[in-house]
Amino acid sequence: KNPEASLSDLAEMLSISRSGVNHRLRR
């Protein structure tokens, strides 16, 4: 839904840390 969002933006949307978003994307 947000293809242009940064990792920080995604982290804010999901209420998790930026590193958490990065870890899930790697999985």
mmCIF file of all heavy atoms, coordinates in Angstrom:
data_MODEL
# 
_entry.id   MODEL 
# 
loop_
_atom_site.group_PDB 
_atom_site.id 
_atom_site.type_symbol 
_atom_site.label_atom_id 
_atom_site.label_alt_id 
_atom_site.label_comp_id 
_atom_site.label_asym_id 
_atom_site.label_entity_id 
_atom_site.label_seq_id 
_atom_site.pdbx_PDB_ins_code 
_atom_site.Cartn_x 
_atom_site.Cartn_y 
_atom_site.Cartn_z 
_atom_site.occupancy 
_atom_site.B_iso_or_equiv 
_atom_site.pdbx_formal_charge 
_atom_site.auth_seq_id 
_atom_site.auth_comp_id 
_atom_site.auth_asym_id 
_atom_site.auth_atom_id 
_atom_site.pdbx_PDB_model_num 
ATOM 1   N N   . LYS A 1 1  ? 0.822  -1.209  0.000  1.00 0.00 ? 1  LYS A N   1 
ATOM 2   C CA  . LYS A 1 1  ? 0.000  0.000   0.000  1.00 0.00 ? 1  LYS A CA  1 
ATOM 3   C C   . LYS A 1 1  ? 0.863  1.270   0.000  1.00 0.00 ? 1  LYS A C   1 
ATOM 4   O O   . LYS A 1 1  ? 0.385  2.344   -0.387 1.00 0.00 ? 1  LYS A O   1 
ATOM 5   C CB  . LYS A 1 1  ? -0.922 0.014   1.211  1.00 0.00 ? 1  LYS A CB  1 
ATOM 6   C CG  . LYS A 1 1  ? -2.041 -1.012  1.152  1.00 0.00 ? 1  LYS A CG  1 
ATOM 7   C CD  . LYS A 1 1  ? -2.933 -0.897  2.380  1.00 0.00 ? 1  LYS A CD  1 
ATOM 8   C CE  . LYS A 1 1  ? -4.088 -1.894  2.322  1.00 0.00 ? 1  LYS A CE  1 
ATOM 9   N NZ  . LYS A 1 1  ? -4.963 -1.822  3.513  1.00 0.00 ? 1  LYS A NZ  1 
ATOM 10  N N   . ASN A 1 2  ? 2.110  1.129   0.433  1.00 0.00 ? 2  ASN A N   1 
ATOM 11  C CA  . ASN A 1 2  ? 3.004  2.297   0.533  1.00 0.00 ? 2  ASN A CA  1 
ATOM 12  C C   . ASN A 1 2  ? 4.358  1.967   -0.122 1.00 0.00 ? 2  ASN A C   1 
ATOM 13  O O   . ASN A 1 2  ? 5.386  1.855   0.567  1.00 0.00 ? 2  ASN A O   1 
ATOM 14  C CB  . ASN A 1 2  ? 3.225  2.688   1.997  1.00 0.00 ? 2  ASN A CB  1 
ATOM 15  C CG  . ASN A 1 2  ? 1.930  2.989   2.723  1.00 0.00 ? 2  ASN A CG  1 
ATOM 16  O OD1 . ASN A 1 2  ? 1.424  4.103   2.679  1.00 0.00 ? 2  ASN A OD1 1 
ATOM 17  N ND2 . ASN A 1 2  ? 1.389  1.976   3.417  1.00 0.00 ? 2  ASN A ND2 1 
ATOM 18  N N   . PRO A 1 3  ? 4.388  1.816   -1.439 1.00 0.00 ? 3  PRO A N   1 
ATOM 19  C CA  . PRO A 1 3  ? 5.624  1.393   -2.114 1.00 0.00 ? 3  PRO A CA  1 
ATOM 20  C C   . PRO A 1 3  ? 6.755  2.418   -2.047 1.00 0.00 ? 3  PRO A C   1 
ATOM 21  O O   . PRO A 1 3  ? 7.913  2.057   -2.248 1.00 0.00 ? 3  PRO A O   1 
ATOM 22  C CB  . PRO A 1 3  ? 5.167  1.156   -3.560 1.00 0.00 ? 3  PRO A CB  1 
ATOM 23  C CG  . PRO A 1 3  ? 3.950  2.023   -3.719 1.00 0.00 ? 3  PRO A CG  1 
ATOM 24  C CD  . PRO A 1 3  ? 3.271  2.004   -2.391 1.00 0.00 ? 3  PRO A CD  1 
ATOM 25  N N   . GLU A 1 4  ? 6.444  3.676   -1.783 1.00 0.00 ? 4  GLU A N   1 
ATOM 26  C CA  . GLU A 1 4  ? 7.478  4.712   -1.755 1.00 0.00 ? 4  GLU A CA  1 
ATOM 27  C C   . GLU A 1 4  ? 7.918  5.068   -0.340 1.00 0.00 ? 4  GLU A C   1 
ATOM 28  O O   . GLU A 1 4  ? 8.782  5.919   -0.156 1.00 0.00 ? 4  GLU A O   1 
ATOM 29  C CB  . GLU A 1 4  ? 6.973  5.978   -2.453 1.00 0.00 ? 4  GLU A CB  1 
ATOM 30  C CG  . GLU A 1 4  ? 6.650  5.771   -3.936 1.00 0.00 ? 4  GLU A CG  1 
ATOM 31  C CD  . GLU A 1 4  ? 6.166  7.035   -4.599 1.00 0.00 ? 4  GLU A CD  1 
ATOM 32  O OE1 . GLU A 1 4  ? 6.024  8.047   -3.896 1.00 0.00 ? 4  GLU A OE1 1 
ATOM 33  O OE2 . GLU A 1 4  ? 5.929  7.019   -5.825 1.00 0.00 ? 4  GLU A OE2 1 
ATOM 34  N N   . ALA A 1 5  ? 7.343  4.425   0.644  1.00 0.00 ? 5  ALA A N   1 
ATOM 35  C CA  . ALA A 1 5  ? 7.670  4.749   2.041  1.00 0.00 ? 5  ALA A CA  1 
ATOM 36  C C   . ALA A 1 5  ? 9.063  4.252   2.396  1.00 0.00 ? 5  ALA A C   1 
ATOM 37  O O   . ALA A 1 5  ? 9.520  3.216   1.903  1.00 0.00 ? 5  ALA A O   1 
ATOM 38  C CB  . ALA A 1 5  ? 6.634  4.136   2.966  1.00 0.00 ? 5  ALA A CB  1 
ATOM 39  N N   . SER A 1 6  ? 9.741  4.992   3.263  1.00 0.00 ? 6  SER A N   1 
ATOM 40  C CA  . SER A 1 6  ? 11.057 4.577   3.742  1.00 0.00 ? 6  SER A CA  1 
ATOM 41  C C   . SER A 1 6  ? 10.894 3.569   4.870  1.00 0.00 ? 6  SER A C   1 
ATOM 42  O O   . SER A 1 6  ? 9.786  3.343   5.373  1.00 0.00 ? 6  SER A O   1 
ATOM 43  C CB  . SER A 1 6  ? 11.833 5.791   4.250  1.00 0.00 ? 6  SER A CB  1 
ATOM 44  O OG  . SER A 1 6  ? 11.198 6.333   5.396  1.00 0.00 ? 6  SER A OG  1 
ATOM 45  N N   . LEU A 1 7  ? 11.999 2.971   5.267  1.00 0.00 ? 7  LEU A N   1 
ATOM 46  C CA  . LEU A 1 7  ? 11.945 2.019   6.379  1.00 0.00 ? 7  LEU A CA  1 
ATOM 47  C C   . LEU A 1 7  ? 11.469 2.698   7.657  1.00 0.00 ? 7  LEU A C   1 
ATOM 48  O O   . LEU A 1 7  ? 10.730 2.103   8.448  1.00 0.00 ? 7  LEU A O   1 
ATOM 49  C CB  . LEU A 1 7  ? 13.325 1.394   6.597  1.00 0.00 ? 7  LEU A CB  1 
ATOM 50  C CG  . LEU A 1 7  ? 13.864 0.493   5.481  1.00 0.00 ? 7  LEU A CG  1 
ATOM 51  C CD1 . LEU A 1 7  ? 15.178 -0.145  5.911  1.00 0.00 ? 7  LEU A CD1 1 
ATOM 52  C CD2 . LEU A 1 7  ? 12.859 -0.569  5.086  1.00 0.00 ? 7  LEU A CD2 1 
ATOM 53  N N   . SER A 1 8  ? 11.882 3.941   7.835  1.00 0.00 ? 8  SER A N   1 
ATOM 54  C CA  . SER A 1 8  ? 11.446 4.678   9.017  1.00 0.00 ? 8  SER A CA  1 
ATOM 55  C C   . SER A 1 8  ? 9.942  4.909   8.989  1.00 0.00 ? 8  SER A C   1 
ATOM 56  O O   . SER A 1 8  ? 9.259  4.815   10.027 1.00 0.00 ? 8  SER A O   1 
ATOM 57  C CB  . SER A 1 8  ? 12.187 6.011   9.110  1.00 0.00 ? 8  SER A CB  1 
ATOM 58  O OG  . SER A 1 8  ? 13.576 5.800   9.238  1.00 0.00 ? 8  SER A OG  1 
ATOM 59  N N   . ASP A 1 9  ? 9.428  5.217   7.793  1.00 0.00 ? 9  ASP A N   1 
ATOM 60  C CA  . ASP A 1 9  ? 7.986  5.418   7.660  1.00 0.00 ? 9  ASP A CA  1 
ATOM 61  C C   . ASP A 1 9  ? 7.228  4.130   7.962  1.00 0.00 ? 9  ASP A C   1 
ATOM 62  O O   . ASP A 1 9  ? 6.199  4.131   8.668  1.00 0.00 ? 9  ASP A O   1 
ATOM 63  C CB  . ASP A 1 9  ? 7.648  5.902   6.247  1.00 0.00 ? 9  ASP A CB  1 
ATOM 64  C CG  . ASP A 1 9  ? 8.209  7.278   5.955  1.00 0.00 ? 9  ASP A CG  1 
ATOM 65  O OD1 . ASP A 1 9  ? 8.419  8.032   6.916  1.00 0.00 ? 9  ASP A OD1 1 
ATOM 66  O OD2 . ASP A 1 9  ? 8.432  7.593   4.765  1.00 0.00 ? 9  ASP A OD2 1 
ATOM 67  N N   . LEU A 1 10 ? 7.725  3.017   7.434  1.00 0.00 ? 10 LEU A N   1 
ATOM 68  C CA  . LEU A 1 10 ? 7.088  1.722   7.694  1.00 0.00 ? 10 LEU A CA  1 
ATOM 69  C C   . LEU A 1 10 ? 7.139  1.384   9.178  1.00 0.00 ? 10 LEU A C   1 
ATOM 70  O O   . LEU A 1 10 ? 6.157  0.852   9.738  1.00 0.00 ? 10 LEU A O   1 
ATOM 71  C CB  . LEU A 1 10 ? 7.786  0.624   6.886  1.00 0.00 ? 10 LEU A CB  1 
ATOM 72  C CG  . LEU A 1 10 ? 7.642  0.702   5.358  1.00 0.00 ? 10 LEU A CG  1 
ATOM 73  C CD1 . LEU A 1 10 ? 8.474  -0.393  4.701  1.00 0.00 ? 10 LEU A CD1 1 
ATOM 74  C CD2 . LEU A 1 10 ? 6.186  0.592   4.937  1.00 0.00 ? 10 LEU A CD2 1 
ATOM 75  N N   . ALA A 1 11 ? 8.259  1.682   9.813  1.00 0.00 ? 11 ALA A N   1 
ATOM 76  C CA  . ALA A 1 11 ? 8.394  1.402   11.245 1.00 0.00 ? 11 ALA A CA  1 
ATOM 77  C C   . ALA A 1 11 ? 7.361  2.191   12.052 1.00 0.00 ? 11 ALA A C   1 
ATOM 78  O O   . ALA A 1 11 ? 6.754  1.668   12.995 1.00 0.00 ? 11 ALA A O   1 
ATOM 79  C CB  . ALA A 1 11 ? 9.805  1.750   11.711 1.00 0.00 ? 11 ALA A CB  1 
ATOM 80  N N   . GLU A 1 12 ? 7.137  3.431   11.645 1.00 0.00 ? 12 GLU A N   1 
ATOM 81  C CA  . GLU A 1 12 ? 6.150  4.254   12.341 1.00 0.00 ? 12 GLU A CA  1 
ATOM 82  C C   . GLU A 1 12 ? 4.734  3.715   12.118 1.00 0.00 ? 12 GLU A C   1 
ATOM 83  O O   . GLU A 1 12 ? 3.915  3.694   13.050 1.00 0.00 ? 12 GLU A O   1 
ATOM 84  C CB  . GLU A 1 12 ? 6.258  5.689   11.857 1.00 0.00 ? 12 GLU A CB  1 
ATOM 85  C CG  . GLU A 1 12 ? 5.363  6.674   12.596 1.00 0.00 ? 12 GLU A CG  1 
ATOM 86  C CD  . GLU A 1 12 ? 5.564  8.101   12.146 1.00 0.00 ? 12 GLU A CD  1 
ATOM 87  O OE1 . GLU A 1 12 ? 6.514  8.359   11.378 1.00 0.00 ? 12 GLU A OE1 1 
ATOM 88  O OE2 . GLU A 1 12 ? 4.763  8.965   12.561 1.00 0.00 ? 12 GLU A OE2 1 
ATOM 89  N N   . MET A 1 13 ? 4.437  3.262   10.903 1.00 0.00 ? 13 MET A N   1 
ATOM 90  C CA  . MET A 1 13 ? 3.111  2.715   10.611 1.00 0.00 ? 13 MET A CA  1 
ATOM 91  C C   . MET A 1 13 ? 2.833  1.441   11.403 1.00 0.00 ? 13 MET A C   1 
ATOM 92  O O   . MET A 1 13 ? 1.689  1.184   11.822 1.00 0.00 ? 13 MET A O   1 
ATOM 93  C CB  . MET A 1 13 ? 2.987  2.418   9.112  1.00 0.00 ? 13 MET A CB  1 
ATOM 94  C CG  . MET A 1 13 ? 3.077  3.633   8.214  1.00 0.00 ? 13 MET A CG  1 
ATOM 95  S SD  . MET A 1 13 ? 3.095  3.162   6.463  1.00 0.00 ? 13 MET A SD  1 
ATOM 96  C CE  . MET A 1 13 ? 3.500  4.744   5.690  1.00 0.00 ? 13 MET A CE  1 
ATOM 97  N N   . LEU A 1 14 ? 3.888  0.639   11.589 1.00 0.00 ? 14 LEU A N   1 
ATOM 98  C CA  . LEU A 1 14 ? 3.721  -0.659  12.263 1.00 0.00 ? 14 LEU A CA  1 
ATOM 99  C C   . LEU A 1 14 ? 4.013  -0.588  13.753 1.00 0.00 ? 14 LEU A C   1 
ATOM 100 O O   . LEU A 1 14 ? 3.870  -1.607  14.457 1.00 0.00 ? 14 LEU A O   1 
ATOM 101 C CB  . LEU A 1 14 ? 4.645  -1.687  11.609 1.00 0.00 ? 14 LEU A CB  1 
ATOM 102 C CG  . LEU A 1 14 ? 4.347  -2.016  10.144 1.00 0.00 ? 14 LEU A CG  1 
ATOM 103 C CD1 . LEU A 1 14 ? 5.474  -2.837  9.541  1.00 0.00 ? 14 LEU A CD1 1 
ATOM 104 C CD2 . LEU A 1 14 ? 3.026  -2.757  10.017 1.00 0.00 ? 14 LEU A CD2 1 
ATOM 105 N N   . SER A 1 15 ? 4.451  0.580   14.217 1.00 0.00 ? 15 SER A N   1 
ATOM 106 C CA  . SER A 1 15 ? 4.787  0.773   15.641 1.00 0.00 ? 15 SER A CA  1 
ATOM 107 C C   . SER A 1 15 ? 5.884  -0.183  16.098 1.00 0.00 ? 15 SER A C   1 
ATOM 108 O O   . SER A 1 15 ? 5.823  -0.776  17.189 1.00 0.00 ? 15 SER A O   1 
ATOM 109 C CB  . SER A 1 15 ? 3.535  0.609   16.516 1.00 0.00 ? 15 SER A CB  1 
ATOM 110 O OG  . SER A 1 15 ? 2.555  1.555   16.166 1.00 0.00 ? 15 SER A OG  1 
ATOM 111 N N   . ILE A 1 16 ? 6.873  -0.374  15.243 1.00 0.00 ? 16 ILE A N   1 
ATOM 112 C CA  . ILE A 1 16 ? 8.043  -1.169  15.607 1.00 0.00 ? 16 ILE A CA  1 
ATOM 113 C C   . ILE A 1 16 ? 9.288  -0.371  15.244 1.00 0.00 ? 16 ILE A C   1 
ATOM 114 O O   . ILE A 1 16 ? 9.197  0.723   14.670 1.00 0.00 ? 16 ILE A O   1 
ATOM 115 C CB  . ILE A 1 16 ? 8.052  -2.540  14.886 1.00 0.00 ? 16 ILE A CB  1 
ATOM 116 C CG1 . ILE A 1 16 ? 8.083  -2.347  13.360 1.00 0.00 ? 16 ILE A CG1 1 
ATOM 117 C CG2 . ILE A 1 16 ? 6.847  -3.379  15.302 1.00 0.00 ? 16 ILE A CG2 1 
ATOM 118 C CD1 . ILE A 1 16 ? 8.203  -3.646  12.601 1.00 0.00 ? 16 ILE A CD1 1 
ATOM 119 N N   . SER A 1 17 ? 10.444 -0.941  15.547 1.00 0.00 ? 17 SER A N   1 
ATOM 120 C CA  . SER A 1 17 ? 11.687 -0.232  15.248 1.00 0.00 ? 17 SER A CA  1 
ATOM 121 C C   . SER A 1 17 ? 12.048 -0.379  13.771 1.00 0.00 ? 17 SER A C   1 
ATOM 122 O O   . SER A 1 17 ? 11.555 -1.280  13.077 1.00 0.00 ? 17 SER A O   1 
ATOM 123 C CB  . SER A 1 17 ? 12.832 -0.777  16.105 1.00 0.00 ? 17 SER A CB  1 
ATOM 124 O OG  . SER A 1 17 ? 13.113 -2.119  15.756 1.00 0.00 ? 17 SER A OG  1 
ATOM 125 N N   . ARG A 1 18 ? 12.913 0.510   13.317 1.00 0.00 ? 18 ARG A N   1 
ATOM 126 C CA  . ARG A 1 18 ? 13.368 0.448   11.927 1.00 0.00 ? 18 ARG A CA  1 
ATOM 127 C C   . ARG A 1 18 ? 14.127 -0.843  11.667 1.00 0.00 ? 18 ARG A C   1 
ATOM 128 O O   . ARG A 1 18 ? 13.975 -1.470  10.606 1.00 0.00 ? 18 ARG A O   1 
ATOM 129 C CB  . ARG A 1 18 ? 14.266 1.663   11.631 1.00 0.00 ? 18 ARG A CB  1 
ATOM 130 C CG  . ARG A 1 18 ? 14.703 1.787   10.173 1.00 0.00 ? 18 ARG A CG  1 
ATOM 131 C CD  . ARG A 1 18 ? 15.564 3.029   10.007 1.00 0.00 ? 18 ARG A CD  1 
ATOM 132 N NE  . ARG A 1 18 ? 15.968 3.233   8.618  1.00 0.00 ? 18 ARG A NE  1 
ATOM 133 C CZ  . ARG A 1 18 ? 16.962 2.612   8.024  1.00 0.00 ? 18 ARG A CZ  1 
ATOM 134 N NH1 . ARG A 1 18 ? 17.674 1.702   8.710  1.00 0.00 ? 18 ARG A NH1 1 
ATOM 135 N NH2 . ARG A 1 18 ? 17.266 2.857   6.759  1.00 0.00 ? 18 ARG A NH2 1 
ATOM 136 N N   . SER A 1 19 ? 14.959 -1.245  12.634 1.00 0.00 ? 19 SER A N   1 
ATOM 137 C CA  . SER A 1 19 ? 15.705 -2.501  12.474 1.00 0.00 ? 19 SER A CA  1 
ATOM 138 C C   . SER A 1 19 ? 14.758 -3.695  12.429 1.00 0.00 ? 19 SER A C   1 
ATOM 139 O O   . SER A 1 19 ? 15.029 -4.687  11.744 1.00 0.00 ? 19 SER A O   1 
ATOM 140 C CB  . SER A 1 19 ? 16.716 -2.666  13.617 1.00 0.00 ? 19 SER A CB  1 
ATOM 141 O OG  . SER A 1 19 ? 16.040 -2.700  14.867 1.00 0.00 ? 19 SER A OG  1 
ATOM 142 N N   . GLY A 1 20 ? 13.639 -3.582  13.144 1.00 0.00 ? 20 GLY A N   1 
ATOM 143 C CA  . GLY A 1 20 ? 12.646 -4.656  13.097 1.00 0.00 ? 20 GLY A CA  1 
ATOM 144 C C   . GLY A 1 20 ? 12.037 -4.790  11.715 1.00 0.00 ? 20 GLY A C   1 
ATOM 145 O O   . GLY A 1 20 ? 11.846 -5.905  11.203 1.00 0.00 ? 20 GLY A O   1 
ATOM 146 N N   . VAL A 1 21 ? 11.725 -3.660  11.084 1.00 0.00 ? 21 VAL A N   1 
ATOM 147 C CA  . VAL A 1 21 ? 11.195 -3.679  9.720  1.00 0.00 ? 21 VAL A CA  1 
ATOM 148 C C   . VAL A 1 21 ? 12.220 -4.287  8.773  1.00 0.00 ? 21 VAL A C   1 
ATOM 149 O O   . VAL A 1 21 ? 11.889 -5.139  7.926  1.00 0.00 ? 21 VAL A O   1 
ATOM 150 C CB  . VAL A 1 21 ? 10.830 -2.253  9.257  1.00 0.00 ? 21 VAL A CB  1 
ATOM 151 C CG1 . VAL A 1 21 ? 10.474 -2.241  7.779  1.00 0.00 ? 21 VAL A CG1 1 
ATOM 152 C CG2 . VAL A 1 21 ? 9.677  -1.701  10.085 1.00 0.00 ? 21 VAL A CG2 1 
ATOM 153 N N   . ASN A 1 22 ? 13.471 -3.863  8.907  1.00 0.00 ? 22 ASN A N   1 
ATOM 154 C CA  . ASN A 1 22 ? 14.524 -4.366  8.033  1.00 0.00 ? 22 ASN A CA  1 
ATOM 155 C C   . ASN A 1 22 ? 14.704 -5.865  8.197  1.00 0.00 ? 22 ASN A C   1 
ATOM 156 O O   . ASN A 1 22 ? 14.871 -6.607  7.213  1.00 0.00 ? 22 ASN A O   1 
ATOM 157 C CB  . ASN A 1 22 ? 15.829 -3.634  8.350  1.00 0.00 ? 22 ASN A CB  1 
ATOM 158 C CG  . ASN A 1 22 ? 16.906 -3.896  7.311  1.00 0.00 ? 22 ASN A CG  1 
ATOM 159 O OD1 . ASN A 1 22 ? 16.650 -3.915  6.124  1.00 0.00 ? 22 ASN A OD1 1 
ATOM 160 N ND2 . ASN A 1 22 ? 18.129 -4.096  7.779  1.00 0.00 ? 22 ASN A ND2 1 
ATOM 161 N N   . HIS A 1 23 ? 14.617 -6.349  9.427  1.00 0.00 ? 23 HIS A N   1 
ATOM 162 C CA  . HIS A 1 23 ? 14.766 -7.786  9.694  1.00 0.00 ? 23 HIS A CA  1 
ATOM 163 C C   . HIS A 1 23 ? 13.641 -8.583  9.026  1.00 0.00 ? 23 HIS A C   1 
ATOM 164 O O   . HIS A 1 23 ? 13.885 -9.629  8.396  1.00 0.00 ? 23 HIS A O   1 
ATOM 165 C CB  . HIS A 1 23 ? 14.762 -8.033  11.201 1.00 0.00 ? 23 HIS A CB  1 
ATOM 166 C CG  . HIS A 1 23 ? 14.830 -9.483  11.573 1.00 0.00 ? 23 HIS A CG  1 
ATOM 167 N ND1 . HIS A 1 23 ? 15.946 -10.258 11.349 1.00 0.00 ? 23 HIS A ND1 1 
ATOM 168 C CD2 . HIS A 1 23 ? 13.890 -10.311 12.139 1.00 0.00 ? 23 HIS A CD2 1 
ATOM 169 C CE1 . HIS A 1 23 ? 15.710 -11.500 11.763 1.00 0.00 ? 23 HIS A CE1 1 
ATOM 170 N NE2 . HIS A 1 23 ? 14.465 -11.552 12.251 1.00 0.00 ? 23 HIS A NE2 1 
ATOM 171 N N   . ARG A 1 24 ? 12.406 -8.096  9.104  1.00 0.00 ? 24 ARG A N   1 
ATOM 172 C CA  . ARG A 1 24 ? 11.277 -8.799  8.512  1.00 0.00 ? 24 ARG A CA  1 
ATOM 173 C C   . ARG A 1 24 ? 11.351 -8.788  6.988  1.00 0.00 ? 24 ARG A C   1 
ATOM 174 O O   . ARG A 1 24 ? 11.018 -9.781  6.328  1.00 0.00 ? 24 ARG A O   1 
ATOM 175 C CB  . ARG A 1 24 ? 9.965  -8.163  8.981  1.00 0.00 ? 24 ARG A CB  1 
ATOM 176 C CG  . ARG A 1 24 ? 9.730  -8.337  10.475 1.00 0.00 ? 24 ARG A CG  1 
ATOM 177 C CD  . ARG A 1 24 ? 8.443  -7.677  10.935 1.00 0.00 ? 24 ARG A CD  1 
ATOM 178 N NE  . ARG A 1 24 ? 8.342  -7.724  12.400 1.00 0.00 ? 24 ARG A NE  1 
ATOM 179 C CZ  . ARG A 1 24 ? 7.299  -7.270  13.095 1.00 0.00 ? 24 ARG A CZ  1 
ATOM 180 N NH1 . ARG A 1 24 ? 6.277  -6.724  12.454 1.00 0.00 ? 24 ARG A NH1 1 
ATOM 181 N NH2 . ARG A 1 24 ? 7.286  -7.347  14.408 1.00 0.00 ? 24 ARG A NH2 1 
ATOM 182 N N   . LEU A 1 25 ? 11.810 -7.673  6.433  1.00 0.00 ? 25 LEU A N   1 
ATOM 183 C CA  . LEU A 1 25 ? 11.951 -7.615  4.981  1.00 0.00 ? 25 LEU A CA  1 
ATOM 184 C C   . LEU A 1 25 ? 13.021 -8.593  4.491  1.00 0.00 ? 25 LEU A C   1 
ATOM 185 O O   . LEU A 1 25 ? 12.889 -9.170  3.409  1.00 0.00 ? 25 LEU A O   1 
ATOM 186 C CB  . LEU A 1 25 ? 12.305 -6.186  4.548  1.00 0.00 ? 25 LEU A CB  1 
ATOM 187 C CG  . LEU A 1 25 ? 11.162 -5.163  4.625  1.00 0.00 ? 25 LEU A CG  1 
ATOM 188 C CD1 . LEU A 1 25 ? 11.685 -3.751  4.400  1.00 0.00 ? 25 LEU A CD1 1 
ATOM 189 C CD2 . LEU A 1 25 ? 10.072 -5.493  3.604  1.00 0.00 ? 25 LEU A CD2 1 
ATOM 190 N N   . ARG A 1 26 ? 14.044 -8.783  5.279  1.00 0.00 ? 26 ARG A N   1 
ATOM 191 C CA  . ARG A 1 26 ? 15.080 -9.754  4.908  1.00 0.00 ? 26 ARG A CA  1 
ATOM 192 C C   . ARG A 1 26 ? 14.520 -11.181 4.924  1.00 0.00 ? 26 ARG A C   1 
ATOM 193 O O   . ARG A 1 26 ? 14.876 -11.999 4.069  1.00 0.00 ? 26 ARG A O   1 
ATOM 194 C CB  . ARG A 1 26 ? 16.267 -9.643  5.869  1.00 0.00 ? 26 ARG A CB  1 
ATOM 195 C CG  . ARG A 1 26 ? 17.122 -8.402  5.644  1.00 0.00 ? 26 ARG A CG  1 
ATOM 196 C CD  . ARG A 1 26 ? 18.296 -8.383  6.596  1.00 0.00 ? 26 ARG A CD  1 
ATOM 197 N NE  . ARG A 1 26 ? 19.153 -7.224  6.375  1.00 0.00 ? 26 ARG A NE  1 
ATOM 198 C CZ  . ARG A 1 26 ? 20.225 -6.938  7.110  1.00 0.00 ? 26 ARG A CZ  1 
ATOM 199 N NH1 . ARG A 1 26 ? 20.549 -7.747  8.122  1.00 0.00 ? 26 ARG A NH1 1 
ATOM 200 N NH2 . ARG A 1 26 ? 20.957 -5.876  6.854  1.00 0.00 ? 26 ARG A NH2 1 
ATOM 201 N N   . ARG A 1 27 ? 13.650 -11.471 5.878  1.00 0.00 ? 27 ARG A N   1 
ATOM 202 C CA  . ARG A 1 27 ? 13.023 -12.802 5.933  1.00 0.00 ? 27 ARG A CA  1 
ATOM 203 C C   . ARG A 1 27 ? 12.162 -13.035 4.690  1.00 0.00 ? 27 ARG A C   1 
ATOM 204 O O   . ARG A 1 27 ? 12.181 -14.120 4.087  1.00 0.00 ? 27 ARG A O   1 
ATOM 205 C CB  . ARG A 1 27 ? 12.189 -12.926 7.203  1.00 0.00 ? 27 ARG A CB  1 
ATOM 206 C CG  . ARG A 1 27 ? 13.043 -13.029 8.469  1.00 0.00 ? 27 ARG A CG  1 
ATOM 207 C CD  . ARG A 1 27 ? 12.219 -12.855 9.725  1.00 0.00 ? 27 ARG A CD  1 
ATOM 208 N NE  . ARG A 1 27 ? 11.156 -13.865 9.825  1.00 0.00 ? 27 ARG A NE  1 
ATOM 209 C CZ  . ARG A 1 27 ? 10.190 -13.822 10.739 1.00 0.00 ? 27 ARG A CZ  1 
ATOM 210 N NH1 . ARG A 1 27 ? 10.157 -12.805 11.621 1.00 0.00 ? 27 ARG A NH1 1 
ATOM 211 N NH2 . ARG A 1 27 ? 9.272  -14.762 10.785 1.00 0.00 ? 27 ARG A NH2 1 
# 
